[in-house]
Amino acid sequence: MGPSKWAGLAALLAGFFVLLLDTTIIAVASPSIQADLGGDVAALFWVTAGYLLAFSVPLLVAGRLGDLFDPKRVYLFGMGGFGVTSALCGAVPSCSDASRK
């Protein structure tokens, strides 16, 4: 394997790590989401299912875009978009911060 193949492997591993980290965050946050929404287990199921649906459907589109365009470019665009939107979500004040004002 040449250096570019190792870089590609590192990029894929970074993507898988981000995917697992994101899934773990949802699993850990589920009790808090349920308490904040004041719902039962069924409501939590629908919130989680909606999140997973919104997360997985673009993967099919991204796969097709990777076939049409350069897969590396589509991957980097997706990772960059995920990073930017994650940073924006992290910058939003929490509900407890908004209630203090």
PDB file of N, CA and C in Angstrom:
ATOM      1  N   MET A   1       0.845  -1.191   0.000  1.00  0.00           N
ATOM      2  CA  MET A   1       0.000   0.000   0.000  1.00  0.00           C
ATOM      3  C   MET A   1       0.883   1.243   0.000  1.00  0.00           C
ATOM      4  N   GLY A   2       0.580   2.139  -0.901  1.00  0.00           N
ATOM      5  CA  GLY A   2       1.321   3.395  -0.967  1.00  0.00           C
ATOM      6  C   GLY A   2       0.794   4.392   0.053  1.00  0.00           C
ATOM      7  N   PRO A   3       1.464   5.532   0.148  1.00  0.00           N
ATOM      8  CA  PRO A   3       1.041   6.553   1.125  1.00  0.00           C
ATOM      9  C   PRO A   3      -0.383   7.050   0.886  1.00  0.00           C
ATOM     10  N   SER A   4      -0.805   7.158  -0.368  1.00  0.00           N
ATOM     11  CA  SER A   4      -2.155   7.655  -0.625  1.00  0.00           C
ATOM     12  C   SER A   4      -3.206   6.642  -0.185  1.00  0.00           C
ATOM     13  N   LYS A   5      -2.878   5.358  -0.270  1.00  0.00           N
ATOM     14  CA  LYS A   5      -3.831   4.340   0.196  1.00  0.00           C
ATOM     15  C   LYS A   5      -3.961   4.376   1.715  1.00  0.00           C
ATOM     16  N   TRP A   6      -2.861   4.644   2.413  1.00  0.00           N
ATOM     17  CA  TRP A   6      -2.934   4.762   3.869  1.00  0.00           C
ATOM     18  C   TRP A   6      -3.738   5.995   4.265  1.00  0.00           C
ATOM     19  N   ALA A   7      -3.598   7.068   3.497  1.00  0.00           N
ATOM     20  CA  ALA A   7      -4.372   8.277   3.773  1.00  0.00           C
ATOM     21  C   ALA A   7      -5.864   8.009   3.536  1.00  0.00           C
ATOM     22  N   GLY A   8      -6.165   7.258   2.503  1.00  0.00           N
ATOM     23  CA  GLY A   8      -7.559   6.897   2.240  1.00  0.00           C
ATOM     24  C   GLY A   8      -8.133   6.033   3.348  1.00  0.00           C
ATOM     25  N   LEU A   9      -7.338   5.089   3.823  1.00  0.00           N
ATOM     26  CA  LEU A   9      -7.786   4.246   4.933  1.00  0.00           C
ATOM     27  C   LEU A   9      -8.012   5.078   6.190  1.00  0.00           C
ATOM     28  N   ALA A  10      -7.110   6.025   6.449  1.00  0.00           N
ATOM     29  CA  ALA A  10      -7.261   6.902   7.614  1.00  0.00           C
ATOM     30  C   ALA A  10      -8.525   7.748   7.499  1.00  0.00           C
ATOM     31  N   ALA A  11      -8.829   8.216   6.292  1.00  0.00           N
ATOM     32  CA  ALA A  11     -10.045   9.012   6.082  1.00  0.00           C
ATOM     33  C   ALA A  11     -11.292   8.164   6.317  1.00  0.00           C
ATOM     34  N   LEU A  12     -11.288   6.924   5.836  1.00  0.00           N
ATOM     35  CA  LEU A  12     -12.434   6.042   6.063  1.00  0.00           C
ATOM     36  C   LEU A  12     -12.598   5.708   7.544  1.00  0.00           C
ATOM     37  N   LEU A  13     -11.492   5.464   8.221  1.00  0.00           N
ATOM     38  CA  LEU A  13     -11.567   5.188   9.653  1.00  0.00           C
ATOM     39  C   LEU A  13     -12.081   6.400  10.425  1.00  0.00           C
ATOM     40  N   ALA A  14     -11.689   7.584  10.011  1.00  0.00           N
ATOM     41  CA  ALA A  14     -12.203   8.800  10.651  1.00  0.00           C
ATOM     42  C   ALA A  14     -13.705   8.916  10.442  1.00  0.00           C
ATOM     43  N   GLY A  15     -14.168   8.593   9.238  1.00  0.00           N
ATOM     44  CA  GLY A  15     -15.603   8.624   8.963  1.00  0.00           C
ATOM     45  C   GLY A  15     -16.371   7.616   9.798  1.00  0.00           C
ATOM     46  N   PHE A  16     -15.844   6.403   9.912  1.00  0.00           N
ATOM     47  CA  PHE A  16     -16.511   5.395  10.733  1.00  0.00           C
ATOM     48  C   PHE A  16     -16.524   5.795  12.207  1.00  0.00           C
ATOM     49  N   PHE A  17     -15.431   6.422  12.665  1.00  0.00           N
ATOM     50  CA  PHE A  17     -15.377   6.885  14.046  1.00  0.00           C
ATOM     51  C   PHE A  17     -16.442   7.946  14.306  1.00  0.00           C
ATOM     52  N   VAL A  18     -16.578   8.890  13.383  1.00  0.00           N
ATOM     53  CA  VAL A  18     -17.591   9.945  13.534  1.00  0.00           C
ATOM     54  C   VAL A  18     -18.990   9.335  13.537  1.00  0.00           C
ATOM     55  N   LEU A  19     -19.227   8.360  12.672  1.00  0.00           N
ATOM     56  CA  LEU A  19     -20.528   7.687  12.627  1.00  0.00           C
ATOM     57  C   LEU A  19     -20.831   6.988  13.949  1.00  0.00           C
ATOM     58  N   LEU A  20     -19.869   6.246  14.481  1.00  0.00           N
ATOM     59  CA  LEU A  20     -20.078   5.555  15.753  1.00  0.00           C
ATOM     60  C   LEU A  20     -20.234   6.537  16.912  1.00  0.00           C
ATOM     61  N   LEU A  21     -19.467   7.607  16.891  1.00  0.00           N
ATOM     62  CA  LEU A  21     -19.576   8.620  17.932  1.00  0.00           C
ATOM     63  C   LEU A  21     -20.959   9.271  17.912  1.00  0.00           C
ATOM     64  N   ASP A  22     -21.445   9.592  16.732  1.00  0.00           N
ATOM     65  CA  ASP A  22     -22.758  10.212  16.597  1.00  0.00           C
ATOM     66  C   ASP A  22     -23.863   9.270  17.078  1.00  0.00           C
ATOM     67  N   THR A  23     -23.772   8.010  16.717  1.00  0.00           N
ATOM     68  CA  THR A  23     -24.769   7.025  17.155  1.00  0.00           C
ATOM     69  C   THR A  23     -24.726   6.843  18.668  1.00  0.00           C
ATOM     70  N   THR A  24     -23.535   6.844  19.241  1.00  0.00           N
ATOM     71  CA  THR A  24     -23.399   6.706  20.689  1.00  0.00           C
ATOM     72  C   THR A  24     -23.988   7.911  21.410  1.00  0.00           C
ATOM     73  N   ILE A  25     -23.790   9.097  20.861  1.00  0.00           N
ATOM     74  CA  ILE A  25     -24.346  10.300  21.475  1.00  0.00           C
ATOM     75  C   ILE A  25     -25.866  10.222  21.521  1.00  0.00           C
ATOM     76  N   ILE A  26     -26.474   9.747  20.462  1.00  0.00           N
ATOM     77  CA  ILE A  26     -27.939   9.616  20.438  1.00  0.00           C
ATOM     78  C   ILE A  26     -28.393   8.599  21.478  1.00  0.00           C
ATOM     79  N   ALA A  27     -27.676   7.489  21.586  1.00  0.00           N
ATOM     80  CA  ALA A  27     -28.062   6.470  22.570  1.00  0.00           C
ATOM     81  C   ALA A  27     -27.933   6.996  23.995  1.00  0.00           C
ATOM     82  N   VAL A  28     -26.877   7.743  24.269  1.00  0.00           N
ATOM     83  CA  VAL A  28     -26.670   8.281  25.617  1.00  0.00           C
ATOM     84  C   VAL A  28     -27.676   9.394  25.920  1.00  0.00           C
ATOM     85  N   ALA A  29     -28.023  10.180  24.910  1.00  0.00           N
ATOM     86  CA  ALA A  29     -28.936  11.308  25.118  1.00  0.00           C
ATOM     87  C   ALA A  29     -30.404  10.905  25.142  1.00  0.00           C
ATOM     88  N   SER A  30     -30.720   9.667  24.822  1.00  0.00           N
ATOM     89  CA  SER A  30     -32.126   9.245  24.742  1.00  0.00           C
ATOM     90  C   SER A  30     -32.927   9.486  26.020  1.00  0.00           C
ATOM     91  N   PRO A  31     -32.427   9.142  27.213  1.00  0.00           N
ATOM     92  CA  PRO A  31     -33.216   9.432  28.420  1.00  0.00           C
ATOM     93  C   PRO A  31     -33.471  10.927  28.624  1.00  0.00           C
ATOM     94  N   SER A  32     -32.486  11.745  28.301  1.00  0.00           N
ATOM     95  CA  SER A  32     -32.665  13.193  28.426  1.00  0.00           C
ATOM     96  C   SER A  32     -33.682  13.709  27.408  1.00  0.00           C
ATOM     97  N   ILE A  33     -33.624  13.179  26.196  1.00  0.00           N
ATOM     98  CA  ILE A  33     -34.599  13.566  25.170  1.00  0.00           C
ATOM     99  C   ILE A  33     -35.999  13.188  25.616  1.00  0.00           C
ATOM    100  N   GLN A  34     -36.147  11.985  26.160  1.00  0.00           N
ATOM    101  CA  GLN A  34     -37.451  11.525  26.627  1.00  0.00           C
ATOM    102  C   GLN A  34     -37.966  12.407  27.763  1.00  0.00           C
ATOM    103  N   ALA A  35     -37.100  12.784  28.683  1.00  0.00           N
ATOM    104  CA  ALA A  35     -37.522  13.629  29.801  1.00  0.00           C
ATOM    105  C   ALA A  35     -37.890  15.032  29.327  1.00  0.00           C
ATOM    106  N   ASP A  36     -37.103  15.588  28.392  1.00  0.00           N
ATOM    107  CA  ASP A  36     -37.392  16.926  27.888  1.00  0.00           C
ATOM    108  C   ASP A  36     -38.684  16.981  27.099  1.00  0.00           C
ATOM    109  N   LEU A  37     -38.967  15.922  26.335  1.00  0.00           N
ATOM    110  CA  LEU A  37     -40.201  15.901  25.544  1.00  0.00           C
ATOM    111  C   LEU A  37     -41.408  15.490  26.371  1.00  0.00           C
ATOM    112  N   GLY A  38     -41.160  14.897  27.526  1.00  0.00           N
ATOM    113  CA  GLY A  38     -42.257  14.470  28.384  1.00  0.00           C
ATOM    114  C   GLY A  38     -43.058  13.328  27.785  1.00  0.00           C
ATOM    115  N   GLY A  39     -42.418  12.531  26.955  1.00  0.00           N
ATOM    116  CA  GLY A  39     -43.122  11.442  26.288  1.00  0.00           C
ATOM    117  C   GLY A  39     -42.798  10.097  26.891  1.00  0.00           C
ATOM    118  N   ASP A  40     -43.417   9.100  26.317  1.00  0.00           N
ATOM    119  CA  ASP A  40     -43.166   7.733  26.758  1.00  0.00           C
ATOM    120  C   ASP A  40     -42.138   7.089  25.833  1.00  0.00           C
ATOM    121  N   VAL A  41     -41.975   5.795  25.952  1.00  0.00           N
ATOM    122  CA  VAL A  41     -40.995   5.067  25.158  1.00  0.00           C
ATOM    123  C   VAL A  41     -41.376   5.103  23.679  1.00  0.00           C
ATOM    124  N   ALA A  42     -42.663   5.085  23.378  1.00  0.00           N
ATOM    125  CA  ALA A  42     -43.103   5.129  21.982  1.00  0.00           C
ATOM    126  C   ALA A  42     -42.707   6.450  21.325  1.00  0.00           C
ATOM    127  N   ALA A  43     -42.840   7.555  22.049  1.00  0.00           N
ATOM    128  CA  ALA A  43     -42.445   8.852  21.500  1.00  0.00           C
ATOM    129  C   ALA A  43     -40.934   8.909  21.286  1.00  0.00           C
ATOM    130  N   LEU A  44     -40.182   8.341  22.213  1.00  0.00           N
ATOM    131  CA  LEU A  44     -38.730   8.291  22.063  1.00  0.00           C
ATOM    132  C   LEU A  44     -38.344   7.444  20.860  1.00  0.00           C
ATOM    133  N   PHE A  45     -39.071   6.353  20.647  1.00  0.00           N
ATOM    134  CA  PHE A  45     -38.818   5.518  19.475  1.00  0.00           C
ATOM    135  C   PHE A  45     -39.002   6.315  18.192  1.00  0.00           C
ATOM    136  N   TRP A  46     -40.071   7.092  18.105  1.00  0.00           N
ATOM    137  CA  TRP A  46     -40.335   7.856  16.887  1.00  0.00           C
ATOM    138  C   TRP A  46     -39.304   8.953  16.674  1.00  0.00           C
ATOM    139  N   VAL A  47     -38.839   9.573  17.734  1.00  0.00           N
ATOM    140  CA  VAL A  47     -37.783  10.588  17.608  1.00  0.00           C
ATOM    141  C   VAL A  47     -36.503   9.940  17.091  1.00  0.00           C
ATOM    142  N   THR A  48     -36.139   8.804  17.661  1.00  0.00           N
ATOM    143  CA  THR A  48     -34.930   8.107  17.238  1.00  0.00           C
ATOM    144  C   THR A  48     -35.069   7.581  15.811  1.00  0.00           C
ATOM    145  N   ALA A  49     -36.227   7.039  15.468  1.00  0.00           N
ATOM    146  CA  ALA A  49     -36.455   6.533  14.112  1.00  0.00           C
ATOM    147  C   ALA A  49     -36.397   7.674  13.093  1.00  0.00           C
ATOM    148  N   GLY A  50     -36.950   8.818  13.438  1.00  0.00           N
ATOM    149  CA  GLY A  50     -36.889   9.972  12.547  1.00  0.00           C
ATOM    150  C   GLY A  50     -35.459  10.438  12.333  1.00  0.00           C
ATOM    151  N   TYR A  51     -34.682  10.441  13.400  1.00  0.00           N
ATOM    152  CA  TYR A  51     -33.268  10.817  13.295  1.00  0.00           C
ATOM    153  C   TYR A  51     -32.523   9.843  12.385  1.00  0.00           C
ATOM    154  N   LEU A  52     -32.721   8.552  12.606  1.00  0.00           N
ATOM    155  CA  LEU A  52     -32.024   7.556  11.789  1.00  0.00           C
ATOM    156  C   LEU A  52     -32.458   7.623  10.327  1.00  0.00           C
ATOM    157  N   LEU A  53     -33.727   7.901  10.086  1.00  0.00           N
ATOM    158  CA  LEU A  53     -34.210   8.032   8.716  1.00  0.00           C
ATOM    159  C   LEU A  53     -33.574   9.252   8.044  1.00  0.00           C
ATOM    160  N   ALA A  54     -33.537  10.362   8.754  1.00  0.00           N
ATOM    161  CA  ALA A  54     -32.919  11.574   8.206  1.00  0.00           C
ATOM    162  C   ALA A  54     -31.414  11.390   8.031  1.00  0.00           C
ATOM    163  N   PHE A  55     -30.828  10.486   8.763  1.00  0.00           N
ATOM    164  CA  PHE A  55     -29.398  10.226   8.681  1.00  0.00           C
ATOM    165  C   PHE A  55     -29.068   9.240   7.560  1.00  0.00           C
ATOM    166  N   SER A  56     -29.931   8.250   7.333  1.00  0.00           N
ATOM    167  CA  SER A  56     -29.600   7.184   6.392  1.00  0.00           C
ATOM    168  C   SER A  56     -30.044   7.456   4.961  1.00  0.00           C
ATOM    169  N   VAL A  57     -31.118   8.182   4.746  1.00  0.00           N
ATOM    170  CA  VAL A  57     -31.584   8.439   3.378  1.00  0.00           C
ATOM    171  C   VAL A  57     -30.544   9.210   2.560  1.00  0.00           C
ATOM    172  N   PRO A  58     -29.906  10.241   3.106  1.00  0.00           N
ATOM    173  CA  PRO A  58     -28.879  10.913   2.304  1.00  0.00           C
ATOM    174  C   PRO A  58     -27.689  10.022   1.945  1.00  0.00           C
ATOM    175  N   LEU A  59     -27.477   8.933   2.669  1.00  0.00           N
ATOM    176  CA  LEU A  59     -26.388   8.025   2.317  1.00  0.00           C
ATOM    177  C   LEU A  59     -26.609   7.403   0.944  1.00  0.00           C
ATOM    178  N   LEU A  60     -27.857   7.091   0.613  1.00  0.00           N
ATOM    179  CA  LEU A  60     -28.166   6.541  -0.704  1.00  0.00           C
ATOM    180  C   LEU A  60     -27.897   7.567  -1.797  1.00  0.00           C
ATOM    181  N   VAL A  61     -28.299   8.791  -1.542  1.00  0.00           N
ATOM    182  CA  VAL A  61     -28.059   9.865  -2.506  1.00  0.00           C
ATOM    183  C   VAL A  61     -26.556  10.112  -2.654  1.00  0.00           C
ATOM    184  N   ALA A  62     -25.832  10.106  -1.547  1.00  0.00           N
ATOM    185  CA  ALA A  62     -24.388  10.331  -1.591  1.00  0.00           C
ATOM    186  C   ALA A  62     -23.682   9.215  -2.358  1.00  0.00           C
ATOM    187  N   GLY A  63     -24.175   7.996  -2.229  1.00  0.00           N
ATOM    188  CA  GLY A  63     -23.592   6.895  -2.991  1.00  0.00           C
ATOM    189  C   GLY A  63     -23.752   7.091  -4.485  1.00  0.00           C
ATOM    190  N   ARG A  64     -24.921   7.537  -4.891  1.00  0.00           N
ATOM    191  CA  ARG A  64     -25.156   7.799  -6.317  1.00  0.00           C
ATOM    192  C   ARG A  64     -24.320   8.992  -6.797  1.00  0.00           C
ATOM    193  N   LEU A  65     -24.223  10.036  -5.963  1.00  0.00           N
ATOM    194  CA  LEU A  65     -23.395  11.183  -6.331  1.00  0.00           C
ATOM    195  C   LEU A  65     -21.929  10.781  -6.438  1.00  0.00           C
ATOM    196  N   GLY A  66     -21.499   9.855  -5.599  1.00  0.00           N
ATOM    197  CA  GLY A  66     -20.137   9.343  -5.692  1.00  0.00           C
ATOM    198  C   GLY A  66     -19.896   8.598  -6.987  1.00  0.00           C
ATOM    199  N   ASP A  67     -20.944   7.928  -7.516  1.00  0.00           N
ATOM    200  CA  ASP A  67     -20.823   7.267  -8.814  1.00  0.00           C
ATOM    201  C   ASP A  67     -20.743   8.284  -9.951  1.00  0.00           C
ATOM    202  N   LEU A  68     -21.499   9.357  -9.831  1.00  0.00           N
ATOM    203  CA  LEU A  68     -21.533  10.368 -10.884  1.00  0.00           C
ATOM    204  C   LEU A  68     -20.316  11.289 -10.851  1.00  0.00           C
ATOM    205  N   PHE A  69     -19.900  11.658  -9.667  1.00  0.00           N
ATOM    206  CA  PHE A  69     -18.773  12.559  -9.500  1.00  0.00           C
ATOM    207  C   PHE A  69     -17.649  11.797  -8.820  1.00  0.00           C
ATOM    208  N   ASP A  70     -16.634  12.458  -8.436  1.00  0.00           N
ATOM    209  CA  ASP A  70     -15.502  11.827  -7.776  1.00  0.00           C
ATOM    210  C   ASP A  70     -15.886  11.397  -6.360  1.00  0.00           C
ATOM    211  N   PRO A  71     -15.744  10.107  -6.003  1.00  0.00           N
ATOM    212  CA  PRO A  71     -16.119   9.663  -4.656  1.00  0.00           C
ATOM    213  C   PRO A  71     -15.358  10.398  -3.544  1.00  0.00           C
ATOM    214  N   LYS A  72     -14.093  10.726  -3.796  1.00  0.00           N
ATOM    215  CA  LYS A  72     -13.313  11.445  -2.791  1.00  0.00           C
ATOM    216  C   LYS A  72     -13.916  12.823  -2.535  1.00  0.00           C
ATOM    217  N   ARG A  73     -14.305  13.496  -3.600  1.00  0.00           N
ATOM    218  CA  ARG A  73     -14.882  14.834  -3.464  1.00  0.00           C
ATOM    219  C   ARG A  73     -16.208  14.781  -2.698  1.00  0.00           C
ATOM    220  N   VAL A  74     -17.037  13.793  -2.995  1.00  0.00           N
ATOM    221  CA  VAL A  74     -18.323  13.645  -2.307  1.00  0.00           C
ATOM    222  C   VAL A  74     -18.090  13.320  -0.831  1.00  0.00           C
ATOM    223  N   TYR A  75     -17.119  12.457  -0.536  1.00  0.00           N
ATOM    224  CA  TYR A  75     -16.803  12.095   0.848  1.00  0.00           C
ATOM    225  C   TYR A  75     -16.327  13.313   1.633  1.00  0.00           C
ATOM    226  N   LEU A  76     -15.408  14.075   1.045  1.00  0.00           N
ATOM    227  CA  LEU A  76     -14.885  15.257   1.729  1.00  0.00           C
ATOM    228  C   LEU A  76     -15.970  16.311   1.927  1.00  0.00           C
ATOM    229  N   PHE A  77     -16.849  16.458   0.935  1.00  0.00           N
ATOM    230  CA  PHE A  77     -17.963  17.395   1.069  1.00  0.00           C
ATOM    231  C   PHE A  77     -18.890  16.960   2.207  1.00  0.00           C
ATOM    232  N   GLY A  78     -19.170  15.663   2.285  1.00  0.00           N
ATOM    233  CA  GLY A  78     -20.032  15.157   3.354  1.00  0.00           C
ATOM    234  C   GLY A  78     -19.416  15.310   4.731  1.00  0.00           C
ATOM    235  N   MET A  79     -18.131  14.987   4.851  1.00  0.00           N
ATOM    236  CA  MET A  79     -17.455  15.139   6.147  1.00  0.00           C
ATOM    237  C   MET A  79     -17.369  16.605   6.548  1.00  0.00           C
ATOM    238  N   GLY A  80     -17.093  17.464   5.583  1.00  0.00           N
ATOM    239  CA  GLY A  80     -17.040  18.900   5.877  1.00  0.00           C
ATOM    240  C   GLY A  80     -18.394  19.442   6.285  1.00  0.00           C
ATOM    241  N   GLY A  81     -19.433  19.026   5.561  1.00  0.00           N
ATOM    242  CA  GLY A  81     -20.789  19.461   5.913  1.00  0.00           C
ATOM    243  C   GLY A  81     -21.206  18.977   7.284  1.00  0.00           C
ATOM    244  N   PHE A  82     -20.860  17.738   7.603  1.00  0.00           N
ATOM    245  CA  PHE A  82     -21.176  17.200   8.916  1.00  0.00           C
ATOM    246  C   PHE A  82     -20.446  17.971  10.007  1.00  0.00           C
ATOM    247  N   GLY A  83     -19.184  18.293   9.754  1.00  0.00           N
ATOM    248  CA  GLY A  83     -18.411  19.047  10.739  1.00  0.00           C
ATOM    249  C   GLY A  83     -18.973  20.439  10.977  1.00  0.00           C
ATOM    250  N   VAL A  84     -19.340  21.114   9.891  1.00  0.00           N
ATOM    251  CA  VAL A  84     -19.894  22.473  10.019  1.00  0.00           C
ATOM    252  C   VAL A  84     -21.235  22.446  10.750  1.00  0.00           C
ATOM    253  N   THR A  85     -22.118  21.532  10.361  1.00  0.00           N
ATOM    254  CA  THR A  85     -23.422  21.484  11.026  1.00  0.00           C
ATOM    255  C   THR A  85     -23.297  21.033  12.477  1.00  0.00           C
ATOM    256  N   SER A  86     -22.349  20.163  12.786  1.00  0.00           N
ATOM    257  CA  SER A  86     -22.129  19.764  14.180  1.00  0.00           C
ATOM    258  C   SER A  86     -21.643  20.943  15.007  1.00  0.00           C
ATOM    259  N   ALA A  87     -20.761  21.749  14.423  1.00  0.00           N
ATOM    260  CA  ALA A  87     -20.281  22.937  15.133  1.00  0.00           C
ATOM    261  C   ALA A  87     -21.414  23.935  15.354  1.00  0.00           C
ATOM    262  N   LEU A  88     -22.277  24.093  14.365  1.00  0.00           N
ATOM    263  CA  LEU A  88     -23.422  24.996  14.524  1.00  0.00           C
ATOM    264  C   LEU A  88     -24.382  24.489  15.598  1.00  0.00           C
ATOM    265  N   CYS A  89     -24.604  23.177  15.632  1.00  0.00           N
ATOM    266  CA  CYS A  89     -25.471  22.607  16.676  1.00  0.00           C
ATOM    267  C   CYS A  89     -24.850  22.791  18.056  1.00  0.00           C
ATOM    268  N   GLY A  90     -23.550  22.664  18.146  1.00  0.00           N
ATOM    269  CA  GLY A  90     -22.874  22.856  19.421  1.00  0.00           C
ATOM    270  C   GLY A  90     -22.897  24.304  19.887  1.00  0.00           C
ATOM    271  N   ALA A  91     -23.038  25.238  18.952  1.00  0.00           N
ATOM    272  CA  ALA A  91     -23.053  26.662  19.302  1.00  0.00           C
ATOM    273  C   ALA A  91     -24.420  27.149  19.759  1.00  0.00           C
ATOM    274  N   VAL A  92     -25.457  26.351  19.564  1.00  0.00           N
ATOM    275  CA  VAL A  92     -26.802  26.745  19.970  1.00  0.00           C
ATOM    276  C   VAL A  92     -26.919  26.673  21.487  1.00  0.00           C
ATOM    277  N   PRO A  93     -27.466  27.712  22.122  1.00  0.00           N
ATOM    278  CA  PRO A  93     -27.623  27.638  23.579  1.00  0.00           C
ATOM    279  C   PRO A  93     -28.639  26.552  23.950  1.00  0.00           C
ATOM    280  N   SER A  94     -28.409  25.924  25.077  1.00  0.00           N
ATOM    281  CA  SER A  94     -29.313  24.863  25.507  1.00  0.00           C
ATOM    282  C   SER A  94     -30.603  25.456  26.054  1.00  0.00           C
ATOM    283  N   CYS A  95     -31.586  24.610  26.264  1.00  0.00           N
ATOM    284  CA  CYS A  95     -32.873  25.058  26.811  1.00  0.00           C
ATOM    285  C   CYS A  95     -32.707  25.655  28.204  1.00  0.00           C
ATOM    286  N   SER A  96     -31.793  25.089  28.982  1.00  0.00           N
ATOM    287  CA  SER A  96     -31.598  25.616  30.339  1.00  0.00           C
ATOM    288  C   SER A  96     -30.975  27.007  30.285  1.00  0.00           C
ATOM    289  N   ASP A  97     -30.114  27.282  29.290  1.00  0.00           N
ATOM    290  CA  ASP A  97     -29.543  28.615  29.139  1.00  0.00           C
ATOM    291  C   ASP A  97     -30.602  29.623  28.725  1.00  0.00           C
ATOM    292  N   ALA A  98     -31.537  29.216  27.860  1.00  0.00           N
ATOM    293  CA  ALA A  98     -32.576  30.118  27.380  1.00  0.00           C
ATOM    294  C   ALA A  98     -33.575  30.436  28.490  1.00  0.00           C
ATOM    295  N   SER A  99     -33.814  29.490  29.409  1.00  0.00           N
ATOM    296  CA  SER A  99     -34.783  29.732  30.465  1.00  0.00           C
ATOM    297  C   SER A  99     -34.231  30.659  31.544  1.00  0.00           C
ATOM    298  N   ARG A 100     -32.927  30.832  31.610  1.00  0.00           N
ATOM    299  CA  ARG A 100     -32.316  31.712  32.611  1.00  0.00           C
ATOM    300  C   ARG A 100     -32.442  33.179  32.242  1.00  0.00           C
ATOM    301  N   LYS A 101     -32.648  33.466  30.960  1.00  0.00           N
ATOM    302  CA  LYS A 101     -32.694  34.862  30.523  1.00  0.00           C
ATOM    303  C   LYS A 101     -34.029  35.493  30.773  1.00  0.00           C
TER     304      LYS A 101
END
